[in-house]
Amino acid sequence: MNNDKAALRRYEDDLNVGGLGVVILGAWDVLKVIMLLITEIKDEISLEEFAGEEKAIAVGVIIVIVAMFLLMVFLIFKIHLYIGLNASKAAKGEDYKKGYYTGAIILLVISVLSIFAYIYDLKDLQNIDTTIASFIVELTTIYVLWIVISNTRKIKNIKSLQAQE
């Protein structure tokens, strides 16, 4: 019984830290996308070739594209926040939404699949340092999501065993 209590406390601590990690890595994803957006706009878009009305249309298109990216970034962060905060609440024994577990699984699958995108990025040797750094952060995200998922299951199993006693 004491082993179960110690294990439960350890799993709850790990789940709390994992939840906070999901939030922090979500904030990093937001920063990464914003930095990418700023560098791409600066490097790729030149409004000097447009004149008059064409320039206004080009600026409008840029604003719409940036707004769409920022909306996607907001949604991605909202998902990270939902998973992370609810995992932390579950670890502390507070009321939480059980959908965070499913969200963590979906986000884990997406993160694992996104690893393959780095294979193409490794061909560009000019940006290999940022690609490797992003790859390491993605692996960290996968690890943290795995911690959230596995500790949620372990806590559920221990609590169901305790309820049976």
C-alpha atoms as a PDB file:
ATOM      1  CA  MET A   1       0.000   0.000   0.000  1.00  0.00           C
ATOM      2  CA  ASN A   2       2.827   2.416   0.867  1.00  0.00           C
ATOM      3  CA  ASN A   3       4.503   1.557  -2.420  1.00  0.00           C
ATOM      4  CA  ASP A   4       1.318   2.486  -4.244  1.00  0.00           C
ATOM      5  CA  LYS A   5       1.136   5.829  -2.447  1.00  0.00           C
ATOM      6  CA  ALA A   6       4.774   6.615  -3.223  1.00  0.00           C
ATOM      7  CA  ALA A   7       4.362   5.565  -6.854  1.00  0.00           C
ATOM      8  CA  LEU A   8       1.151   7.580  -7.149  1.00  0.00           C
ATOM      9  CA  ARG A   9       2.852  10.675  -5.757  1.00  0.00           C
ATOM     10  CA  ARG A  10       5.817  10.206  -8.135  1.00  0.00           C
ATOM     11  CA  TYR A  11       3.522   9.753 -11.158  1.00  0.00           C
ATOM     12  CA  GLU A  12       1.477  12.788 -10.172  1.00  0.00           C
ATOM     13  CA  ASP A  13       4.642  14.883  -9.831  1.00  0.00           C
ATOM     14  CA  ASP A  14       5.852  13.678 -13.221  1.00  0.00           C
ATOM     15  CA  LEU A  15       2.451  14.425 -14.766  1.00  0.00           C
ATOM     16  CA  ASN A  16       2.482  17.940 -13.313  1.00  0.00           C
ATOM     17  CA  VAL A  17       5.972  18.633 -14.669  1.00  0.00           C
ATOM     18  CA  GLY A  18       5.010  17.065 -18.013  1.00  0.00           C
ATOM     19  CA  GLY A  19       1.936  19.295 -18.227  1.00  0.00           C
ATOM     20  CA  LEU A  20       4.028  22.388 -17.597  1.00  0.00           C
ATOM     21  CA  GLY A  21       6.526  21.122 -20.176  1.00  0.00           C
ATOM     22  CA  VAL A  22       3.774  20.847 -22.789  1.00  0.00           C
ATOM     23  CA  VAL A  23       2.810  24.486 -22.140  1.00  0.00           C
ATOM     24  CA  ILE A  24       6.426  25.679 -22.362  1.00  0.00           C
ATOM     25  CA  LEU A  25       7.099  23.715 -25.546  1.00  0.00           C
ATOM     26  CA  GLY A  26       3.865  25.115 -27.001  1.00  0.00           C
ATOM     27  CA  ALA A  27       5.158  28.624 -26.286  1.00  0.00           C
ATOM     28  CA  TRP A  28       8.413  27.669 -28.018  1.00  0.00           C
ATOM     29  CA  ASP A  29       6.462  26.446 -31.064  1.00  0.00           C
ATOM     30  CA  VAL A  30       4.711  29.821 -31.188  1.00  0.00           C
ATOM     31  CA  LEU A  31       8.020  31.692 -31.045  1.00  0.00           C
ATOM     32  CA  LYS A  32       9.548  29.419 -33.674  1.00  0.00           C
ATOM     33  CA  VAL A  33       6.689  29.991 -36.124  1.00  0.00           C
ATOM     34  CA  ILE A  34       6.711  33.749 -35.541  1.00  0.00           C
ATOM     35  CA  MET A  35      10.483  33.911 -36.102  1.00  0.00           C
ATOM     36  CA  LEU A  36      10.132  31.801 -39.241  1.00  0.00           C
ATOM     37  CA  LEU A  37       7.325  34.020 -40.492  1.00  0.00           C
ATOM     38  CA  ILE A  38       9.329  37.198 -39.901  1.00  0.00           C
ATOM     39  CA  THR A  39      12.441  35.873 -41.637  1.00  0.00           C
ATOM     40  CA  GLU A  40      10.486  34.508 -44.601  1.00  0.00           C
ATOM     41  CA  ILE A  41       8.591  37.755 -45.115  1.00  0.00           C
ATOM     42  CA  LYS A  42      11.791  39.768 -44.847  1.00  0.00           C
ATOM     43  CA  ASP A  43      13.755  37.525 -47.213  1.00  0.00           C
ATOM     44  CA  GLU A  44      11.135  36.619 -49.807  1.00  0.00           C
ATOM     45  CA  ILE A  45       8.816  39.570 -50.180  1.00  0.00           C
ATOM     46  CA  SER A  46       9.845  42.724 -51.879  1.00  0.00           C
ATOM     47  CA  LEU A  47       7.164  45.345 -52.345  1.00  0.00           C
ATOM     48  CA  GLU A  48       9.424  47.513 -54.489  1.00  0.00           C
ATOM     49  CA  GLU A  49       8.368  45.678 -57.640  1.00  0.00           C
ATOM     50  CA  PHE A  50       4.731  46.674 -57.122  1.00  0.00           C
ATOM     51  CA  ALA A  51       3.290  50.095 -57.785  1.00  0.00           C
ATOM     52  CA  GLY A  52       0.085  51.860 -56.762  1.00  0.00           C
ATOM     53  CA  GLU A  53      -2.943  49.622 -56.551  1.00  0.00           C
ATOM     54  CA  GLU A  54      -0.886  46.448 -57.055  1.00  0.00           C
ATOM     55  CA  LYS A  55       1.164  47.366 -53.992  1.00  0.00           C
ATOM     56  CA  ALA A  56      -1.994  47.761 -51.897  1.00  0.00           C
ATOM     57  CA  ILE A  57      -3.242  44.357 -53.064  1.00  0.00           C
ATOM     58  CA  ALA A  58       0.142  42.775 -52.277  1.00  0.00           C
ATOM     59  CA  VAL A  59       0.128  44.288 -48.796  1.00  0.00           C
ATOM     60  CA  GLY A  60      -3.422  43.013 -48.272  1.00  0.00           C
ATOM     61  CA  VAL A  61      -2.413  39.509 -49.333  1.00  0.00           C
ATOM     62  CA  ILE A  62       0.553  39.628 -46.957  1.00  0.00           C
ATOM     63  CA  ILE A  63      -1.691  40.739 -44.086  1.00  0.00           C
ATOM     64  CA  VAL A  64      -4.153  37.906 -44.781  1.00  0.00           C
ATOM     65  CA  ILE A  65      -1.358  35.321 -44.925  1.00  0.00           C
ATOM     66  CA  VAL A  66       0.192  36.610 -41.694  1.00  0.00           C
ATOM     67  CA  ALA A  67      -3.233  36.613 -40.004  1.00  0.00           C
ATOM     68  CA  MET A  68      -3.839  33.006 -41.086  1.00  0.00           C
ATOM     69  CA  PHE A  69      -0.437  31.946 -39.745  1.00  0.00           C
ATOM     70  CA  LEU A  70      -1.052  33.730 -36.471  1.00  0.00           C
ATOM     71  CA  LEU A  71      -4.470  32.081 -36.163  1.00  0.00           C
ATOM     72  CA  MET A  72      -2.892  28.666 -36.699  1.00  0.00           C
ATOM     73  CA  VAL A  73      -0.203  29.502 -34.152  1.00  0.00           C
ATOM     74  CA  PHE A  74      -2.876  30.581 -31.669  1.00  0.00           C
ATOM     75  CA  LEU A  75      -4.765  27.311 -32.166  1.00  0.00           C
ATOM     76  CA  ILE A  76      -1.589  25.255 -31.748  1.00  0.00           C
ATOM     77  CA  PHE A  77      -0.759  27.078 -28.529  1.00  0.00           C
ATOM     78  CA  LYS A  78      -4.336  26.700 -27.313  1.00  0.00           C
ATOM     79  CA  ILE A  79      -4.070  22.924 -27.793  1.00  0.00           C
ATOM     80  CA  HIS A  80      -0.757  22.832 -25.905  1.00  0.00           C
ATOM     81  CA  LEU A  81      -2.272  24.960 -23.153  1.00  0.00           C
ATOM     82  CA  TYR A  82      -5.362  22.733 -22.924  1.00  0.00           C
ATOM     83  CA  ILE A  83      -3.272  19.562 -22.642  1.00  0.00           C
ATOM     84  CA  GLY A  84      -0.699  21.017 -20.280  1.00  0.00           C
ATOM     85  CA  LEU A  85      -3.019  22.782 -17.861  1.00  0.00           C
ATOM     86  CA  ASN A  86      -5.439  19.875 -17.642  1.00  0.00           C
ATOM     87  CA  ALA A  87      -2.576  17.425 -17.073  1.00  0.00           C
ATOM     88  CA  SER A  88      -1.328  19.625 -14.235  1.00  0.00           C
ATOM     89  CA  LYS A  89      -4.835  19.843 -12.775  1.00  0.00           C
ATOM     90  CA  ALA A  90      -5.206  16.064 -12.984  1.00  0.00           C
ATOM     91  CA  ALA A  91      -1.871  15.650 -11.206  1.00  0.00           C
ATOM     92  CA  LYS A  92      -2.968  17.956  -8.395  1.00  0.00           C
ATOM     93  CA  GLY A  93      -6.325  16.231  -7.969  1.00  0.00           C
ATOM     94  CA  GLU A  94      -8.316  19.227  -9.196  1.00  0.00           C
ATOM     95  CA  ASP A  95     -11.228  19.112 -11.633  1.00  0.00           C
ATOM     96  CA  TYR A  96      -9.944  18.661 -15.172  1.00  0.00           C
ATOM     97  CA  LYS A  97     -11.201  17.864 -18.647  1.00  0.00           C
ATOM     98  CA  LYS A  98     -10.474  14.267 -19.592  1.00  0.00           C
ATOM     99  CA  GLY A  99     -10.033  15.167 -23.257  1.00  0.00           C
ATOM    100  CA  TYR A 100      -6.461  16.257 -22.563  1.00  0.00           C
ATOM    101  CA  TYR A 101      -5.397  12.604 -22.700  1.00  0.00           C
ATOM    102  CA  THR A 102      -6.819  12.154 -26.216  1.00  0.00           C
ATOM    103  CA  GLY A 103      -5.357  15.511 -27.249  1.00  0.00           C
ATOM    104  CA  ALA A 104      -1.941  14.419 -25.982  1.00  0.00           C
ATOM    105  CA  ILE A 105      -2.137  11.219 -28.021  1.00  0.00           C
ATOM    106  CA  ILE A 106      -3.107  13.115 -31.180  1.00  0.00           C
ATOM    107  CA  LEU A 107      -0.371  15.702 -30.622  1.00  0.00           C
ATOM    108  CA  LEU A 108       2.140  12.897 -30.023  1.00  0.00           C
ATOM    109  CA  VAL A 109       1.232  11.239 -33.326  1.00  0.00           C
ATOM    110  CA  ILE A 110       1.522  14.567 -35.155  1.00  0.00           C
ATOM    111  CA  SER A 111       4.897  15.251 -33.522  1.00  0.00           C
ATOM    112  CA  VAL A 112       6.217  11.813 -34.459  1.00  0.00           C
ATOM    113  CA  LEU A 113       5.075  12.287 -38.052  1.00  0.00           C
ATOM    114  CA  SER A 114       6.653  15.748 -38.201  1.00  0.00           C
ATOM    115  CA  ILE A 115      10.051  14.197 -37.504  1.00  0.00           C
ATOM    116  CA  PHE A 116      10.126  13.067 -41.128  1.00  0.00           C
ATOM    117  CA  ALA A 117      10.015  16.692 -42.291  1.00  0.00           C
ATOM    118  CA  TYR A 118      13.475  17.195 -40.819  1.00  0.00           C
ATOM    119  CA  ILE A 119      14.928  14.667 -43.263  1.00  0.00           C
ATOM    120  CA  TYR A 120      14.282  17.102 -46.109  1.00  0.00           C
ATOM    121  CA  ASP A 121      15.590  20.028 -44.071  1.00  0.00           C
ATOM    122  CA  LEU A 122      18.903  18.233 -43.442  1.00  0.00           C
ATOM    123  CA  LYS A 123      19.705  18.466 -47.161  1.00  0.00           C
ATOM    124  CA  ASP A 124      20.117  22.242 -46.792  1.00  0.00           C
ATOM    125  CA  LEU A 125      23.543  22.405 -45.146  1.00  0.00           C
ATOM    126  CA  GLN A 126      23.312  26.160 -44.759  1.00  0.00           C
ATOM    127  CA  ASN A 127      20.641  25.832 -42.057  1.00  0.00           C
ATOM    128  CA  ILE A 128      21.740  22.531 -40.517  1.00  0.00           C
ATOM    129  CA  ASP A 129      22.354  24.033 -37.074  1.00  0.00           C
ATOM    130  CA  THR A 130      18.804  25.330 -36.718  1.00  0.00           C
ATOM    131  CA  THR A 131      17.429  22.101 -38.181  1.00  0.00           C
ATOM    132  CA  ILE A 132      19.284  20.014 -35.605  1.00  0.00           C
ATOM    133  CA  ALA A 133      18.137  22.316 -32.790  1.00  0.00           C
ATOM    134  CA  SER A 134      14.537  22.088 -33.976  1.00  0.00           C
ATOM    135  CA  PHE A 135      14.859  18.309 -34.252  1.00  0.00           C
ATOM    136  CA  ILE A 136      16.073  18.090 -30.647  1.00  0.00           C
ATOM    137  CA  VAL A 137      13.184  20.273 -29.462  1.00  0.00           C
ATOM    138  CA  GLU A 138      10.758  18.040 -31.376  1.00  0.00           C
ATOM    139  CA  LEU A 139      12.232  14.958 -29.704  1.00  0.00           C
ATOM    140  CA  THR A 140      11.815  16.701 -26.350  1.00  0.00           C
ATOM    141  CA  THR A 141       8.180  17.417 -27.182  1.00  0.00           C
ATOM    142  CA  ILE A 142       7.642  13.748 -28.029  1.00  0.00           C
ATOM    143  CA  TYR A 143       9.255  12.708 -24.744  1.00  0.00           C
ATOM    144  CA  VAL A 144       7.169  15.136 -22.670  1.00  0.00           C
ATOM    145  CA  LEU A 145       3.937  14.061 -24.374  1.00  0.00           C
ATOM    146  CA  TRP A 146       4.868  10.432 -23.746  1.00  0.00           C
ATOM    147  CA  ILE A 147       5.408  11.264 -20.061  1.00  0.00           C
ATOM    148  CA  VAL A 148       1.964  12.888 -19.895  1.00  0.00           C
ATOM    149  CA  ILE A 149       0.267   9.929 -21.583  1.00  0.00           C
ATOM    150  CA  SER A 150       2.044   7.174 -19.655  1.00  0.00           C
ATOM    151  CA  ASN A 151       1.705   8.842 -16.241  1.00  0.00           C
ATOM    152  CA  THR A 152      -1.986   9.499 -16.834  1.00  0.00           C
ATOM    153  CA  ARG A 153      -2.488   5.777 -17.455  1.00  0.00           C
ATOM    154  CA  LYS A 154      -0.372   4.788 -14.456  1.00  0.00           C
ATOM    155  CA  ILE A 155      -2.278   7.140 -12.141  1.00  0.00           C
ATOM    156  CA  LYS A 156      -5.594   5.822 -13.435  1.00  0.00           C
ATOM    157  CA  ASN A 157      -4.481   2.229 -12.865  1.00  0.00           C
ATOM    158  CA  ILE A 158      -3.265   2.879  -9.313  1.00  0.00           C
ATOM    159  CA  LYS A 159      -6.426   4.787  -8.402  1.00  0.00           C
ATOM    160  CA  SER A 160      -8.632   2.010  -9.776  1.00  0.00           C
ATOM    161  CA  LEU A 161      -6.651  -0.548  -7.740  1.00  0.00           C
ATOM    162  CA  GLN A 162      -7.066   1.607  -4.624  1.00  0.00           C
ATOM    163  CA  ALA A 163     -10.800   1.898  -5.258  1.00  0.00           C
ATOM    164  CA  GLN A 164     -11.109  -1.892  -5.442  1.00  0.00           C
ATOM    165  CA  GLU A 165      -9.501  -2.332  -2.007  1.00  0.00           C
END
